[in-house]
Protein backbone atom coordinates (compact mmCIF):
# COMPACT_ATOMS: atom_id res chain seq x y z
CA TRP A 1 -36.52 7.39 1.03
CA TRP A 2 -37.85 6.75 4.55
CA GLY A 3 -40.04 9.87 4.50
CA ASP A 4 -36.93 12.09 4.59
CA SER A 5 -37.33 15.02 2.20
CA GLN A 6 -33.64 15.90 2.42
CA MET A 7 -32.66 12.40 1.35
CA CYS A 8 -35.32 12.47 -1.36
CA PHE A 9 -33.91 15.71 -2.80
CA LEU A 10 -30.39 14.27 -2.90
CA LYS A 11 -31.61 11.09 -4.60
CA VAL A 12 -33.47 13.14 -7.21
CA TRP A 13 -30.29 15.16 -7.75
CA VAL A 14 -28.21 12.01 -8.28
CA ALA A 15 -30.74 10.53 -10.71
CA HIS A 16 -30.99 13.81 -12.59
CA SER A 17 -27.21 14.10 -12.81
CA LEU A 18 -26.96 10.63 -14.29
CA THR A 19 -29.66 11.14 -16.90
CA SER A 20 -29.93 14.82 -17.83
CA GLU A 21 -26.80 15.71 -19.82
CA GLY A 22 -26.67 19.19 -18.28
CA ALA A 23 -30.36 20.11 -18.11
CA ALA A 24 -31.44 22.25 -15.14
CA LEU A 25 -33.17 20.58 -12.21
CA ASP A 26 -36.31 22.33 -10.95
CA TYR A 27 -37.23 21.17 -7.44
CA TYR A 28 -40.20 22.57 -5.54
CA VAL A 29 -40.61 22.59 -1.77
CA TYR A 30 -44.08 22.72 -0.23
CA ASP A 31 -44.86 23.72 3.33
CA HIS A 32 -47.94 21.48 3.42
CA PHE A 33 -48.87 18.43 1.38
CA ASP A 34 -50.86 15.29 2.05
CA GLU A 35 -48.51 12.43 2.70
CA ASN A 36 -46.03 14.11 5.04
CA ALA A 37 -47.14 17.62 5.93
CA GLY A 38 -44.29 20.06 6.52
CA ASN A 39 -41.50 17.53 6.10
CA GLN A 40 -40.12 19.29 3.02
CA CYS A 41 -39.41 22.35 5.19
CA PHE A 42 -36.33 20.48 6.42
CA VAL A 43 -34.81 20.79 2.93
CA LEU A 44 -34.62 24.54 3.48
CA GLY A 45 -32.40 24.07 6.50
CA GLY A 46 -31.18 26.83 8.72
CA PRO A 47 -33.39 27.56 11.69
CA SER A 48 -35.04 30.65 10.18
CA ALA A 49 -36.14 29.33 6.76
CA CYS A 50 -37.21 25.93 8.10
CA ARG A 51 -39.19 27.36 11.03
CA THR A 52 -40.87 29.95 8.79
CA CYS A 53 -41.91 27.18 6.40
CA ILE A 54 -43.33 25.04 9.22
CA ALA A 55 -45.25 28.02 10.61
CA ALA A 56 -46.65 28.90 7.15
CA GLY A 57 -47.85 25.32 6.64
CA ARG A 58 -49.38 25.23 10.12
CA THR A 59 -47.89 21.82 10.76
CA GLY A 60 -46.23 22.57 14.10
CA TYR A 61 -48.50 20.06 15.80
CA PHE A 62 -46.92 17.33 13.67
CA ILE A 63 -43.48 18.61 12.68
CA ASP A 64 -41.25 19.81 15.51
CA GLU A 65 -39.39 22.95 14.44
CA ARG A 66 -36.64 22.11 16.92
CA ARG A 67 -35.63 19.44 14.38
CA CYS A 68 -34.69 22.10 11.80
CA GLY A 69 -31.03 21.64 10.98
CA ARG A 70 -28.39 24.26 10.41
CA LEU A 71 -27.59 23.27 6.81
CA SER A 72 -29.79 23.75 3.77
CA VAL A 73 -30.16 22.34 0.30
CA GLN A 74 -27.90 25.18 -0.86
CA ASP A 75 -25.18 23.96 1.53
CA MET A 76 -25.46 20.45 0.05
CA ILE A 77 -25.27 21.81 -3.48
CA GLY A 78 -22.19 23.80 -2.50
CA ALA A 79 -20.56 20.76 -0.89
CA PHE A 80 -21.05 18.59 -3.98
CA ARG A 81 -20.83 21.14 -6.81
CA GLY A 82 -18.26 20.00 -9.34
CA ARG A 83 -18.05 16.52 -7.86
CA SER A 84 -19.25 13.39 -9.59
CA ALA A 85 -22.69 11.85 -9.17
CA ARG A 86 -20.86 8.78 -7.87
CA GLU A 87 -19.35 10.78 -5.01
CA LEU A 88 -22.80 12.04 -4.02
CA PHE A 89 -24.24 8.53 -4.34
CA ASP A 90 -21.49 7.08 -2.13
CA ALA A 91 -22.10 9.77 0.49
CA LEU A 92 -25.84 9.02 0.44
CA ARG A 93 -25.23 5.30 0.93
CA ALA A 94 -23.46 6.07 4.21
CA VAL A 95 -26.42 8.01 5.66
CA GLY A 96 -28.81 6.18 7.93
CA PRO A 97 -32.56 6.75 8.31
CA PRO A 98 -33.85 10.15 9.41
CA PRO A 99 -34.29 10.97 13.07
CA SER A 100 -37.62 10.38 14.71
CA GLN A 101 -40.05 13.28 14.69
CA SER A 102 -40.66 12.80 18.38
CA PRO A 103 -39.93 15.98 20.30
CA PRO A 104 -36.32 16.08 21.44
CA PRO A 105 -35.73 15.66 25.19
């Protein structure tokens, strides 16, 4: 999953869709955890929610809030709601690795 929490969420969603037979998916986002502090904040998307999460986790020294995207997990759910797991899987296959966490120029 290349350390990309957004990609990880989508992969969990695909796997859950293939195996759950309609059960709800509970997914938790943490602002600070050991292996990649603050990275899950990117799942929240939108500059406000993502930046608030990074500030709460005090990971600004490591995670650059300027990397917060404009779309959130809710936008991805909306884009793929009602579509097949295969369509989501095919879309994921076309995505490359995440951008570097180096500060943008």
